[in-house]
Amino acid sequence: MSTSLLITILLSAGITALMRTVPLILLSRFRMAPVVQNWLGFIPSAIMAAIITSELVHKPLLSPSGLSMSLMAAALATVCGIVTRSLFVTVIAGMVGILVLKYLLGA
């Protein structure tokens, strides 16, 4: 590995670490209102929903007949998530759903 590539990787890692830790350190010094704390709790869910929706809309996995296998697997994962309230089970259900649909529908 060349020296310039190693320096680039280390600088990128350092900048990423700073971008994640500095706001946390600065905000930990202030007391936020409970309403703001409650609102901030929704941010991870909103980001995950945006990522998944973007994937379903822009790059859906379609069967030869035109069915959206991505949407069917997402629906299965959503139902599993609601029933079990477990992120692990939800992710596994979505992955297994895609694999089974690919096998059955031949994409």
N, C-alpha and C. Protein backbone atom coordinates (compact mmCIF):
# COMPACT_ATOMS: atom_id res chain seq x y z
N MET A 1 0.85 -1.17 0.00
CA MET A 1 0.00 0.00 0.00
C MET A 1 0.90 1.23 0.00
N SER A 2 0.54 2.19 -0.84
CA SER A 2 1.38 3.38 -0.93
C SER A 2 1.16 4.28 0.29
N THR A 3 2.16 5.09 0.56
CA THR A 3 2.11 5.98 1.72
C THR A 3 0.97 6.99 1.61
N SER A 4 0.76 7.53 0.42
CA SER A 4 -0.29 8.53 0.25
C SER A 4 -1.68 7.92 0.49
N LEU A 5 -1.87 6.68 0.09
CA LEU A 5 -3.15 6.02 0.32
C LEU A 5 -3.36 5.79 1.81
N LEU A 6 -2.34 5.38 2.51
CA LEU A 6 -2.43 5.15 3.95
C LEU A 6 -2.73 6.46 4.68
N ILE A 7 -2.07 7.53 4.29
CA ILE A 7 -2.32 8.84 4.91
C ILE A 7 -3.76 9.29 4.64
N THR A 8 -4.24 9.07 3.42
CA THR A 8 -5.62 9.43 3.08
C THR A 8 -6.62 8.66 3.93
N ILE A 9 -6.39 7.37 4.12
CA ILE A 9 -7.29 6.55 4.93
C ILE A 9 -7.27 7.02 6.38
N LEU A 10 -6.10 7.29 6.92
CA LEU A 10 -5.99 7.73 8.31
C LEU A 10 -6.64 9.11 8.51
N LEU A 11 -6.42 10.02 7.57
CA LEU A 11 -7.06 11.34 7.67
C LEU A 11 -8.59 11.24 7.59
N SER A 12 -9.07 10.39 6.69
CA SER A 12 -10.52 10.20 6.57
C SER A 12 -11.10 9.62 7.85
N ALA A 13 -10.40 8.67 8.44
CA ALA A 13 -10.87 8.07 9.70
C ALA A 13 -10.86 9.11 10.82
N GLY A 14 -9.84 9.92 10.88
CA GLY A 14 -9.76 10.95 11.91
C GLY A 14 -10.85 11.99 11.77
N ILE A 15 -11.09 12.45 10.54
CA ILE A 15 -12.14 13.45 10.31
C ILE A 15 -13.51 12.87 10.64
N THR A 16 -13.74 11.62 10.26
CA THR A 16 -15.02 10.97 10.57
C THR A 16 -15.22 10.86 12.08
N ALA A 17 -14.18 10.46 12.79
CA ALA A 17 -14.27 10.35 14.25
C ALA A 17 -14.55 11.71 14.89
N LEU A 18 -13.88 12.75 14.41
CA LEU A 18 -14.12 14.10 14.94
C LEU A 18 -15.55 14.57 14.67
N MET A 19 -16.05 14.29 13.48
CA MET A 19 -17.40 14.72 13.14
C MET A 19 -18.46 14.04 14.01
N ARG A 20 -18.14 12.86 14.51
CA ARG A 20 -19.10 12.15 15.35
C ARG A 20 -18.94 12.48 16.83
N THR A 21 -17.73 12.77 17.27
CA THR A 21 -17.51 12.97 18.71
C THR A 21 -17.64 14.42 19.16
N VAL A 22 -17.22 15.36 18.34
CA VAL A 22 -17.25 16.77 18.77
C VAL A 22 -18.68 17.24 19.09
N PRO A 23 -19.68 17.00 18.23
CA PRO A 23 -21.04 17.43 18.61
C PRO A 23 -21.53 16.74 19.88
N LEU A 24 -21.18 15.48 20.05
CA LEU A 24 -21.60 14.76 21.25
C LEU A 24 -20.98 15.37 22.50
N ILE A 25 -19.72 15.70 22.42
CA ILE A 25 -19.04 16.31 23.57
C ILE A 25 -19.61 17.69 23.87
N LEU A 26 -19.84 18.49 22.83
CA LEU A 26 -20.38 19.83 23.04
C LEU A 26 -21.81 19.80 23.58
N LEU A 27 -22.65 18.92 23.03
CA LEU A 27 -24.05 18.86 23.48
C LEU A 27 -24.20 18.23 24.85
N SER A 28 -23.23 17.45 25.29
CA SER A 28 -23.34 16.82 26.61
C SER A 28 -23.18 17.84 27.74
N ARG A 29 -22.68 19.02 27.42
CA ARG A 29 -22.50 20.07 28.44
C ARG A 29 -23.78 20.85 28.72
N PHE A 30 -24.77 20.72 27.84
CA PHE A 30 -26.02 21.46 27.98
C PHE A 30 -27.16 20.54 28.39
N ARG A 31 -28.09 21.09 29.14
CA ARG A 31 -29.28 20.36 29.53
C ARG A 31 -30.38 20.68 28.53
N MET A 32 -30.86 19.67 27.83
CA MET A 32 -31.91 19.89 26.84
C MET A 32 -33.28 19.63 27.45
N ALA A 33 -34.26 20.33 26.92
CA ALA A 33 -35.63 20.14 27.38
C ALA A 33 -36.10 18.73 27.05
N PRO A 34 -36.97 18.16 27.87
CA PRO A 34 -37.47 16.80 27.59
C PRO A 34 -38.13 16.68 26.23
N VAL A 35 -38.77 17.73 25.76
CA VAL A 35 -39.40 17.69 24.44
C VAL A 35 -38.34 17.49 23.35
N VAL A 36 -37.22 18.19 23.47
CA VAL A 36 -36.14 18.08 22.49
C VAL A 36 -35.51 16.68 22.57
N GLN A 37 -35.29 16.18 23.77
CA GLN A 37 -34.74 14.83 23.93
C GLN A 37 -35.66 13.80 23.32
N ASN A 38 -36.96 13.95 23.54
CA ASN A 38 -37.93 13.02 22.97
C ASN A 38 -37.91 13.09 21.45
N TRP A 39 -37.86 14.30 20.90
CA TRP A 39 -37.83 14.49 19.46
C TRP A 39 -36.57 13.86 18.85
N LEU A 40 -35.43 14.04 19.49
CA LEU A 40 -34.17 13.47 18.97
C LEU A 40 -34.20 11.96 18.94
N GLY A 41 -35.04 11.35 19.76
CA GLY A 41 -35.15 9.89 19.76
C GLY A 41 -35.74 9.33 18.48
N PHE A 42 -36.45 10.16 17.71
CA PHE A 42 -37.05 9.70 16.46
C PHE A 42 -36.10 9.77 15.27
N ILE A 43 -34.99 10.43 15.40
CA ILE A 43 -34.09 10.65 14.27
C ILE A 43 -33.53 9.34 13.69
N PRO A 44 -33.03 8.39 14.50
CA PRO A 44 -32.53 7.15 13.89
C PRO A 44 -33.60 6.40 13.09
N SER A 45 -34.81 6.34 13.60
CA SER A 45 -35.89 5.65 12.88
C SER A 45 -36.22 6.37 11.58
N ALA A 46 -36.23 7.68 11.61
CA ALA A 46 -36.53 8.45 10.40
C ALA A 46 -35.45 8.26 9.34
N ILE A 47 -34.20 8.22 9.76
CA ILE A 47 -33.12 8.02 8.81
C ILE A 47 -33.21 6.63 8.18
N MET A 48 -33.47 5.61 9.00
CA MET A 48 -33.59 4.25 8.48
C MET A 48 -34.77 4.14 7.51
N ALA A 49 -35.89 4.76 7.85
CA ALA A 49 -37.05 4.74 6.96
C ALA A 49 -36.74 5.42 5.63
N ALA A 50 -36.00 6.51 5.67
CA ALA A 50 -35.64 7.21 4.43
C ALA A 50 -34.72 6.36 3.56
N ILE A 51 -33.77 5.68 4.17
CA ILE A 51 -32.85 4.83 3.41
C ILE A 51 -33.61 3.68 2.75
N ILE A 52 -34.48 3.03 3.51
CA ILE A 52 -35.23 1.89 2.97
C ILE A 52 -36.19 2.34 1.87
N THR A 53 -36.89 3.44 2.10
CA THR A 53 -37.82 3.94 1.09
C THR A 53 -37.09 4.31 -0.19
N SER A 54 -35.94 4.91 -0.07
CA SER A 54 -35.15 5.27 -1.25
C SER A 54 -34.76 4.02 -2.04
N GLU A 55 -34.35 2.98 -1.36
CA GLU A 55 -33.98 1.73 -2.04
C GLU A 55 -35.19 1.09 -2.72
N LEU A 56 -36.34 1.13 -2.05
CA LEU A 56 -37.54 0.51 -2.62
C LEU A 56 -38.04 1.28 -3.85
N VAL A 57 -37.87 2.58 -3.86
CA VAL A 57 -38.39 3.40 -4.95
C VAL A 57 -37.41 3.45 -6.13
N HIS A 58 -36.13 3.62 -5.85
CA HIS A 58 -35.18 3.85 -6.93
C HIS A 58 -34.56 2.59 -7.51
N LYS A 59 -34.40 1.54 -6.71
CA LYS A 59 -33.77 0.32 -7.21
C LYS A 59 -34.53 -0.93 -6.75
N PRO A 60 -35.79 -1.07 -7.14
CA PRO A 60 -36.53 -2.24 -6.69
C PRO A 60 -36.06 -3.50 -7.43
N LEU A 61 -36.08 -4.61 -6.72
CA LEU A 61 -35.76 -5.90 -7.32
C LEU A 61 -37.07 -6.46 -7.87
N LEU A 62 -37.16 -6.56 -9.18
CA LEU A 62 -38.40 -7.00 -9.82
C LEU A 62 -38.29 -8.42 -10.33
N SER A 63 -39.39 -9.15 -10.26
CA SER A 63 -39.44 -10.50 -10.82
C SER A 63 -39.66 -10.37 -12.33
N PRO A 64 -39.48 -11.46 -13.08
CA PRO A 64 -39.73 -11.39 -14.53
C PRO A 64 -41.16 -10.96 -14.87
N SER A 65 -42.11 -11.24 -13.97
CA SER A 65 -43.50 -10.84 -14.23
C SER A 65 -43.77 -9.39 -13.81
N GLY A 66 -42.80 -8.72 -13.21
CA GLY A 66 -42.95 -7.32 -12.84
C GLY A 66 -43.32 -7.07 -11.39
N LEU A 67 -43.45 -8.11 -10.58
CA LEU A 67 -43.74 -7.94 -9.16
C LEU A 67 -42.50 -7.39 -8.45
N SER A 68 -42.72 -6.51 -7.51
CA SER A 68 -41.61 -5.96 -6.74
C SER A 68 -41.28 -6.89 -5.57
N MET A 69 -40.22 -7.67 -5.75
CA MET A 69 -39.81 -8.57 -4.68
C MET A 69 -39.27 -7.79 -3.49
N SER A 70 -38.69 -6.63 -3.74
CA SER A 70 -38.19 -5.78 -2.66
C SER A 70 -39.34 -5.34 -1.76
N LEU A 71 -40.43 -4.93 -2.38
CA LEU A 71 -41.58 -4.47 -1.61
C LEU A 71 -42.22 -5.60 -0.81
N MET A 72 -42.30 -6.79 -1.41
CA MET A 72 -42.87 -7.94 -0.69
C MET A 72 -42.00 -8.33 0.50
N ALA A 73 -40.68 -8.33 0.31
CA ALA A 73 -39.78 -8.67 1.42
C ALA A 73 -39.83 -7.58 2.49
N ALA A 74 -39.96 -6.34 2.09
CA ALA A 74 -40.07 -5.24 3.07
C ALA A 74 -41.36 -5.37 3.87
N ALA A 75 -42.44 -5.76 3.20
CA ALA A 75 -43.71 -5.96 3.91
C ALA A 75 -43.60 -7.10 4.92
N LEU A 76 -42.95 -8.19 4.52
CA LEU A 76 -42.73 -9.32 5.43
C LEU A 76 -41.89 -8.87 6.63
N ALA A 77 -40.82 -8.14 6.37
CA ALA A 77 -39.96 -7.67 7.45
C ALA A 77 -40.71 -6.72 8.37
N THR A 78 -41.57 -5.88 7.81
CA THR A 78 -42.35 -4.95 8.62
C THR A 78 -43.30 -5.69 9.55
N VAL A 79 -43.98 -6.68 9.02
CA VAL A 79 -44.90 -7.46 9.86
C VAL A 79 -44.12 -8.18 10.96
N CYS A 80 -42.99 -8.78 10.61
CA CYS A 80 -42.17 -9.46 11.63
C CYS A 80 -41.67 -8.48 12.68
N GLY A 81 -41.31 -7.28 12.25
CA GLY A 81 -40.85 -6.27 13.19
C GLY A 81 -41.94 -5.82 14.15
N ILE A 82 -43.15 -5.66 13.62
CA ILE A 82 -44.27 -5.25 14.47
C ILE A 82 -44.61 -6.35 15.47
N VAL A 83 -44.60 -7.60 15.01
CA VAL A 83 -44.98 -8.71 15.88
C VAL A 83 -43.91 -8.98 16.94
N THR A 84 -42.64 -9.03 16.53
CA THR A 84 -41.58 -9.44 17.47
C THR A 84 -40.92 -8.28 18.19
N ARG A 85 -41.00 -7.06 17.63
CA ARG A 85 -40.32 -5.89 18.20
C ARG A 85 -38.81 -6.12 18.32
N SER A 86 -38.25 -6.91 17.41
CA SER A 86 -36.84 -7.25 17.44
C SER A 86 -36.19 -6.84 16.11
N LEU A 87 -35.16 -6.01 16.18
CA LEU A 87 -34.45 -5.60 14.97
C LEU A 87 -33.78 -6.79 14.31
N PHE A 88 -33.22 -7.69 15.10
CA PHE A 88 -32.55 -8.87 14.55
C PHE A 88 -33.52 -9.72 13.73
N VAL A 89 -34.67 -10.02 14.29
CA VAL A 89 -35.67 -10.84 13.59
C VAL A 89 -36.16 -10.11 12.34
N THR A 90 -36.32 -8.81 12.41
CA THR A 90 -36.78 -8.03 11.27
C THR A 90 -35.79 -8.11 10.12
N VAL A 91 -34.51 -7.93 10.41
CA VAL A 91 -33.48 -7.98 9.37
C VAL A 91 -33.39 -9.38 8.77
N ILE A 92 -33.41 -10.40 9.62
CA ILE A 92 -33.33 -11.79 9.12
C ILE A 92 -34.56 -12.10 8.26
N ALA A 93 -35.74 -11.66 8.68
CA ALA A 93 -36.96 -11.91 7.90
C ALA A 93 -36.87 -11.25 6.53
N GLY A 94 -36.36 -10.04 6.46
CA GLY A 94 -36.20 -9.37 5.17
C GLY A 94 -35.21 -10.09 4.27
N MET A 95 -34.10 -10.54 4.83
CA MET A 95 -33.09 -11.24 4.04
C MET A 95 -33.61 -12.58 3.53
N VAL A 96 -34.25 -13.33 4.43
CA VAL A 96 -34.81 -14.63 4.03
C VAL A 96 -35.93 -14.42 3.01
N GLY A 97 -36.74 -13.38 3.20
CA GLY A 97 -37.80 -13.07 2.26
C GLY A 97 -37.26 -12.83 0.86
N ILE A 98 -36.21 -12.04 0.74
CA ILE A 98 -35.60 -11.78 -0.58
C ILE A 98 -35.07 -13.07 -1.19
N LEU A 99 -34.37 -13.87 -0.38
CA LEU A 99 -33.80 -15.12 -0.90
C LEU A 99 -34.88 -16.07 -1.39
N VAL A 100 -35.93 -16.23 -0.59
CA VAL A 100 -37.02 -17.15 -0.99
C VAL A 100 -37.73 -16.62 -2.23
N LEU A 101 -37.99 -15.32 -2.29
CA LEU A 101 -38.66 -14.76 -3.46
C LEU A 101 -37.80 -14.88 -4.71
N LYS A 102 -36.51 -14.67 -4.59
CA LYS A 102 -35.61 -14.85 -5.73
C LYS A 102 -35.66 -16.29 -6.22
N TYR A 103 -35.66 -17.23 -5.27
CA TYR A 103 -35.69 -18.64 -5.64
C TYR A 103 -37.02 -19.01 -6.29
N LEU A 104 -38.13 -18.57 -5.70
CA LEU A 104 -39.45 -18.94 -6.21
C LEU A 104 -39.82 -18.22 -7.50
N LEU A 105 -39.49 -16.95 -7.60
CA LEU A 105 -39.91 -16.16 -8.74
C LEU A 105 -38.83 -16.05 -9.82
N GLY A 106 -37.65 -16.55 -9.52
CA GLY A 106 -36.59 -16.64 -10.52
C GLY A 106 -36.05 -15.33 -11.05
N ALA A 107 -35.55 -14.50 -10.16
CA ALA A 107 -34.94 -13.25 -10.63
C ALA A 107 -33.43 -13.34 -10.59
